[in-house]
Amino acid sequence: MAAPVLIAVAFALGAVIGSFLNVVIHRVPRGESIVSPGSHCPRCDTPIRWFDNVPIVSWIVLGGRCRACRARISLRYPLVEAAAAAAAALAVQRWGVTVAGVEAGVFAWIALALAFIDLDHQILPDAITLPSIALGLLCAWWGGLTTPLEAVLGAVVGAAIPAAVILVYRLLRGEEGMGWGDVKYLAAIGAVLGIQACLWVLVVGAVLGAVVGLGLIAAGRGGARTALPFGTFLSGAVILWLYLPPAWRSFTPW
């Protein structure tokens, strides 16, 4: 178990990364640079000064409003920062400052970003999913979360299953039931976590999606053909797999 000071440092670093993830979530789907311009209020375009850009704390101090124009700042911003901070701290607490710990934390951050991007835009950008495959394959050679063979097989199986679903659904219905972004994301999940985890994530993500879909139908806010952001549910399942106690994720439906 990592020392408390290391966990605290990981939490602080994760909060900073969470602030950056908010930029990624907002700008990447729009094709904007994540470097320039600097952080600014989306309502009045006033640049955000450093003391108003402290993760989590600044949102609380400002009461969730822009200092310049008093426009509301979404609660999502501090929540993403807090989630990224917790993901880093838990990764260090569980795996220590190791390749596996860094890989787990980074992939949890990726899952957070993809969850909200897919929720907002129903896309999973190649700029994030494809480097994630490389992350899993590279880390596997350096003592990451899985072995090199499992990473390669996980990427292949992770891509093959949703690709087959898309092709069969297109053949039967003449349309695509999933997006190709899901194929690349599941390939990344397989590369980082291995085959068993990839299958677990796929099943749990589908269950989460079904529960939400049925809830929307019951509430009169959707129907059988309502499009749902499957990547968001996959991300939720990824985070569950990473941080649930092993005994809680030991069930397999196969």
Protein backbone atom coordinates (compact mmCIF):
# COMPACT_ATOMS: atom_id res chain seq x y z
CA MET A 1 0.00 0.00 0.00
CA ALA A 2 1.32 3.42 -0.95
CA ALA A 3 2.20 5.97 1.72
CA PRO A 4 -0.51 8.56 2.51
CA VAL A 5 1.68 11.36 1.15
CA LEU A 6 1.90 9.63 -2.24
CA ILE A 7 -1.86 9.15 -2.31
CA ALA A 8 -2.35 12.83 -1.47
CA VAL A 9 0.06 13.89 -4.23
CA ALA A 10 -1.78 11.60 -6.67
CA PHE A 11 -5.09 13.17 -5.65
CA ALA A 12 -3.77 16.69 -6.26
CA LEU A 13 -2.25 15.70 -9.61
CA GLY A 14 -5.48 13.97 -10.60
CA ALA A 15 -7.47 17.12 -9.82
CA VAL A 16 -5.19 19.14 -12.13
CA ILE A 17 -5.59 16.50 -14.85
CA GLY A 18 -9.35 16.65 -14.27
CA SER A 19 -9.27 20.36 -15.07
CA PHE A 20 -7.48 19.51 -18.32
CA LEU A 21 -10.05 16.76 -19.04
CA ASN A 22 -12.77 19.41 -18.92
CA VAL A 23 -10.94 21.21 -21.71
CA VAL A 24 -10.61 17.97 -23.69
CA ILE A 25 -14.30 17.14 -23.23
CA HIS A 26 -15.34 20.59 -24.46
CA ARG A 27 -12.86 21.17 -27.29
CA VAL A 28 -11.89 17.85 -28.90
CA PRO A 29 -15.38 17.06 -30.31
CA ARG A 30 -15.47 20.56 -31.77
CA GLY A 31 -12.10 20.18 -33.46
CA GLU A 32 -10.58 22.95 -31.34
CA SER A 33 -7.06 23.13 -29.96
CA ILE A 34 -6.65 21.91 -26.39
CA VAL A 35 -3.64 24.21 -25.96
CA SER A 36 -4.71 27.60 -27.27
CA PRO A 37 -6.44 29.80 -26.35
CA GLY A 38 -6.18 29.44 -22.59
CA SER A 39 -9.13 28.72 -20.33
CA HIS A 40 -11.88 31.31 -20.66
CA CYS A 41 -15.52 31.77 -19.81
CA PRO A 42 -17.66 30.33 -22.63
CA ARG A 43 -20.25 33.06 -22.04
CA CYS A 44 -18.17 36.27 -21.95
CA ASP A 45 -14.79 34.96 -23.21
CA THR A 46 -12.97 36.52 -20.26
CA PRO A 47 -9.67 34.67 -19.65
CA ILE A 48 -9.75 32.73 -16.39
CA ARG A 49 -6.97 33.86 -14.06
CA TRP A 50 -4.86 31.24 -12.29
CA PHE A 51 -6.44 31.81 -8.88
CA ASP A 52 -9.87 31.21 -10.39
CA ASN A 53 -8.67 28.02 -12.05
CA VAL A 54 -7.70 25.97 -9.01
CA PRO A 55 -9.40 22.57 -9.42
CA ILE A 56 -12.50 22.02 -7.28
CA VAL A 57 -11.65 24.87 -4.88
CA SER A 58 -12.22 27.77 -7.29
CA TRP A 59 -15.69 26.51 -8.25
CA ILE A 60 -16.66 26.43 -4.57
CA VAL A 61 -15.15 29.85 -3.80
CA LEU A 62 -16.87 31.44 -6.81
CA GLY A 63 -20.18 29.82 -5.98
CA GLY A 64 -20.27 28.09 -9.33
CA ARG A 65 -20.28 31.37 -11.29
CA CYS A 66 -17.90 33.29 -13.56
CA ARG A 67 -16.21 36.12 -11.67
CA ALA A 68 -16.63 38.51 -14.63
CA CYS A 69 -20.16 37.95 -15.95
CA ARG A 70 -21.65 35.80 -13.14
CA ALA A 71 -22.78 33.15 -15.63
CA ARG A 72 -23.29 29.74 -14.07
CA ILE A 73 -20.43 27.26 -14.32
CA SER A 74 -21.70 23.71 -14.70
CA LEU A 75 -21.36 21.41 -11.70
CA ARG A 76 -19.83 18.95 -14.13
CA TYR A 77 -16.50 20.79 -13.97
CA PRO A 78 -15.69 20.17 -10.30
CA LEU A 79 -17.23 16.69 -10.50
CA VAL A 80 -14.88 15.70 -13.34
CA GLU A 81 -11.95 17.17 -11.39
CA ALA A 82 -12.95 15.27 -8.25
CA ALA A 83 -13.47 12.02 -10.16
CA ALA A 84 -10.07 12.32 -11.85
CA ALA A 85 -8.46 13.06 -8.49
CA ALA A 86 -10.10 10.03 -6.88
CA ALA A 87 -9.13 7.81 -9.82
CA ALA A 88 -5.46 8.78 -9.45
CA ALA A 89 -5.46 8.38 -5.68
CA LEU A 90 -7.15 4.98 -5.82
CA ALA A 91 -4.75 3.79 -8.53
CA VAL A 92 -1.73 4.70 -6.41
CA GLN A 93 -3.35 3.23 -3.29
CA ARG A 94 -3.97 -0.07 -5.05
CA TRP A 95 -0.99 -0.49 -7.40
CA GLY A 96 1.52 1.99 -6.00
CA VAL A 97 3.72 4.15 -8.20
CA THR A 98 4.18 1.43 -10.80
CA VAL A 99 3.56 1.03 -14.51
CA ALA A 100 0.28 -0.72 -13.68
CA GLY A 101 -0.74 2.10 -11.35
CA VAL A 102 0.04 4.79 -13.91
CA GLU A 103 -1.74 2.83 -16.64
CA ALA A 104 -4.84 2.35 -14.48
CA GLY A 105 -5.00 6.01 -13.56
CA VAL A 106 -4.45 7.24 -17.11
CA PHE A 107 -7.04 4.85 -18.53
CA ALA A 108 -9.56 5.93 -15.91
CA TRP A 109 -8.97 9.54 -17.01
CA ILE A 110 -9.49 8.49 -20.63
CA ALA A 111 -12.70 6.70 -19.68
CA LEU A 112 -13.98 9.84 -17.95
CA ALA A 113 -13.27 12.01 -20.98
CA LEU A 114 -14.88 9.55 -23.41
CA ALA A 115 -17.91 9.11 -21.15
CA PHE A 116 -18.82 12.79 -21.29
CA ILE A 117 -17.85 13.29 -24.94
CA ASP A 118 -20.10 10.41 -25.98
CA LEU A 119 -22.86 11.65 -23.68
CA ASP A 120 -22.76 15.11 -25.28
CA HIS A 121 -22.00 14.28 -28.90
CA GLN A 122 -22.40 10.49 -29.31
CA ILE A 123 -18.91 10.17 -30.74
CA LEU A 124 -15.71 8.54 -29.51
CA PRO A 125 -12.87 10.50 -31.15
CA ASP A 126 -10.04 8.59 -32.84
CA ALA A 127 -7.66 11.13 -31.30
CA ILE A 128 -8.38 9.49 -27.92
CA THR A 129 -9.30 5.87 -28.68
CA LEU A 130 -6.41 5.00 -30.99
CA PRO A 131 -3.63 6.26 -28.65
CA SER A 132 -5.41 4.30 -25.90
CA ILE A 133 -4.79 1.07 -27.82
CA ALA A 134 -1.11 1.98 -28.02
CA LEU A 135 -1.13 2.72 -24.28
CA GLY A 136 -2.27 -0.81 -23.50
CA LEU A 137 0.14 -2.50 -25.89
CA LEU A 138 3.14 -0.49 -24.70
CA CYS A 139 2.43 -0.75 -20.98
CA ALA A 140 1.96 -4.51 -21.30
CA TRP A 141 5.65 -4.81 -22.20
CA TRP A 142 6.68 -2.87 -19.10
CA GLY A 143 4.71 -4.63 -16.36
CA GLY A 144 1.31 -3.03 -16.90
CA LEU A 145 -2.14 -4.34 -16.06
CA THR A 146 -1.88 -7.30 -18.41
CA THR A 147 0.69 -9.32 -20.38
CA PRO A 148 1.76 -8.55 -23.95
CA LEU A 149 -0.08 -11.59 -25.33
CA GLU A 150 -3.26 -10.74 -23.40
CA ALA A 151 -3.04 -7.13 -24.57
CA VAL A 152 -2.79 -8.14 -28.24
CA LEU A 153 -5.55 -10.75 -27.97
CA GLY A 154 -7.68 -8.35 -25.94
CA ALA A 155 -7.38 -5.66 -28.62
CA VAL A 156 -8.28 -8.12 -31.38
CA VAL A 157 -11.24 -9.66 -29.55
CA GLY A 158 -12.38 -6.28 -28.26
CA ALA A 159 -12.55 -4.96 -31.82
CA ALA A 160 -13.92 -8.14 -33.40
CA ILE A 161 -17.06 -8.49 -31.28
CA PRO A 162 -18.61 -5.05 -31.89
CA ALA A 163 -17.43 -5.09 -35.52
CA ALA A 164 -19.31 -8.37 -36.01
CA VAL A 165 -22.39 -6.88 -34.35
CA ILE A 166 -22.27 -3.87 -36.67
CA LEU A 167 -21.89 -5.98 -39.80
CA VAL A 168 -24.60 -8.49 -38.86
CA TYR A 169 -27.02 -5.73 -37.83
CA ARG A 170 -26.36 -3.90 -41.09
CA LEU A 171 -26.99 -7.11 -43.02
CA LEU A 172 -30.26 -7.81 -41.21
CA ARG A 173 -31.61 -4.28 -40.76
CA GLY A 174 -29.80 -2.23 -43.37
CA GLU A 175 -28.40 0.17 -40.75
CA GLU A 176 -25.70 0.31 -38.11
CA GLY A 177 -26.66 -0.56 -34.54
CA MET A 178 -23.35 0.70 -33.09
CA GLY A 179 -20.71 3.18 -34.10
CA TRP A 180 -17.20 2.30 -35.22
CA GLY A 181 -15.92 4.42 -32.36
CA ASP A 182 -17.19 1.70 -30.04
CA VAL A 183 -15.07 -0.83 -31.96
CA LYS A 184 -11.90 1.20 -31.38
CA TYR A 185 -12.79 1.89 -27.75
CA LEU A 186 -13.37 -1.80 -27.02
CA ALA A 187 -10.06 -2.59 -28.74
CA ALA A 188 -8.43 -0.14 -26.33
CA ILE A 189 -10.23 -1.70 -23.37
CA GLY A 190 -9.02 -5.13 -24.44
CA ALA A 191 -5.46 -3.88 -24.92
CA VAL A 192 -5.34 -2.25 -21.49
CA LEU A 193 -7.33 -4.75 -19.41
CA GLY A 194 -7.18 -8.05 -21.33
CA ILE A 195 -9.83 -10.33 -22.83
CA GLN A 196 -11.71 -11.33 -19.67
CA ALA A 197 -12.03 -7.75 -18.48
CA CYS A 198 -13.03 -6.59 -21.97
CA LEU A 199 -15.87 -9.13 -22.10
CA TRP A 200 -16.93 -8.18 -18.55
CA VAL A 201 -16.95 -4.49 -19.49
CA LEU A 202 -18.94 -5.22 -22.64
CA VAL A 203 -21.61 -7.16 -20.73
CA VAL A 204 -21.84 -4.72 -17.81
CA GLY A 205 -21.89 -1.74 -20.20
CA ALA A 206 -24.75 -3.35 -22.12
CA VAL A 207 -26.64 -3.98 -18.87
CA LEU A 208 -26.15 -0.38 -17.74
CA GLY A 209 -27.36 0.83 -21.13
CA ALA A 210 -30.42 -1.43 -20.99
CA VAL A 211 -31.32 -0.21 -17.49
CA VAL A 212 -31.04 3.44 -18.55
CA GLY A 213 -32.95 2.76 -21.78
CA LEU A 214 -35.80 1.05 -19.93
CA GLY A 215 -35.84 3.90 -17.43
CA LEU A 216 -36.19 6.45 -20.22
CA ILE A 217 -39.01 4.45 -21.79
CA ALA A 218 -40.79 4.14 -18.44
CA ALA A 219 -40.44 7.89 -17.91
CA GLY A 220 -41.82 8.61 -21.37
CA ARG A 221 -38.56 10.22 -22.48
CA GLY A 222 -37.48 7.66 -25.05
CA GLY A 223 -38.47 4.68 -27.13
CA ALA A 224 -37.11 1.40 -28.38
CA ARG A 225 -35.15 3.19 -31.11
CA THR A 226 -33.75 5.99 -28.94
CA ALA A 227 -29.99 6.27 -29.52
CA LEU A 228 -27.95 5.88 -26.35
CA PRO A 229 -24.27 6.77 -25.83
CA PHE A 230 -22.88 3.23 -25.45
CA GLY A 231 -19.38 4.60 -24.89
CA THR A 232 -20.62 6.30 -21.71
CA PHE A 233 -21.81 2.97 -20.33
CA LEU A 234 -18.59 1.25 -21.37
CA SER A 235 -16.65 3.92 -19.49
CA GLY A 236 -18.73 3.34 -16.39
CA ALA A 237 -18.01 -0.38 -16.62
CA VAL A 238 -14.27 0.29 -17.13
CA ILE A 239 -14.11 2.34 -13.94
CA LEU A 240 -16.05 -0.33 -12.05
CA TRP A 241 -13.63 -3.00 -13.26
CA LEU A 242 -10.60 -0.96 -12.26
CA TYR A 243 -11.74 -0.03 -8.78
CA LEU A 244 -14.23 -2.61 -7.54
CA PRO A 245 -12.74 -5.21 -5.17
CA PRO A 246 -11.72 -8.28 -7.20
CA ALA A 247 -14.37 -10.45 -5.53
CA TRP A 248 -17.11 -8.04 -6.69
CA ARG A 249 -16.09 -8.35 -10.33
CA SER A 250 -15.31 -12.05 -10.35
CA PHE A 251 -18.59 -13.12 -11.94
CA THR A 252 -18.55 -13.97 -15.61
CA PRO A 253 -21.54 -14.86 -17.79
CA TRP A 254 -19.51 -17.25 -19.97
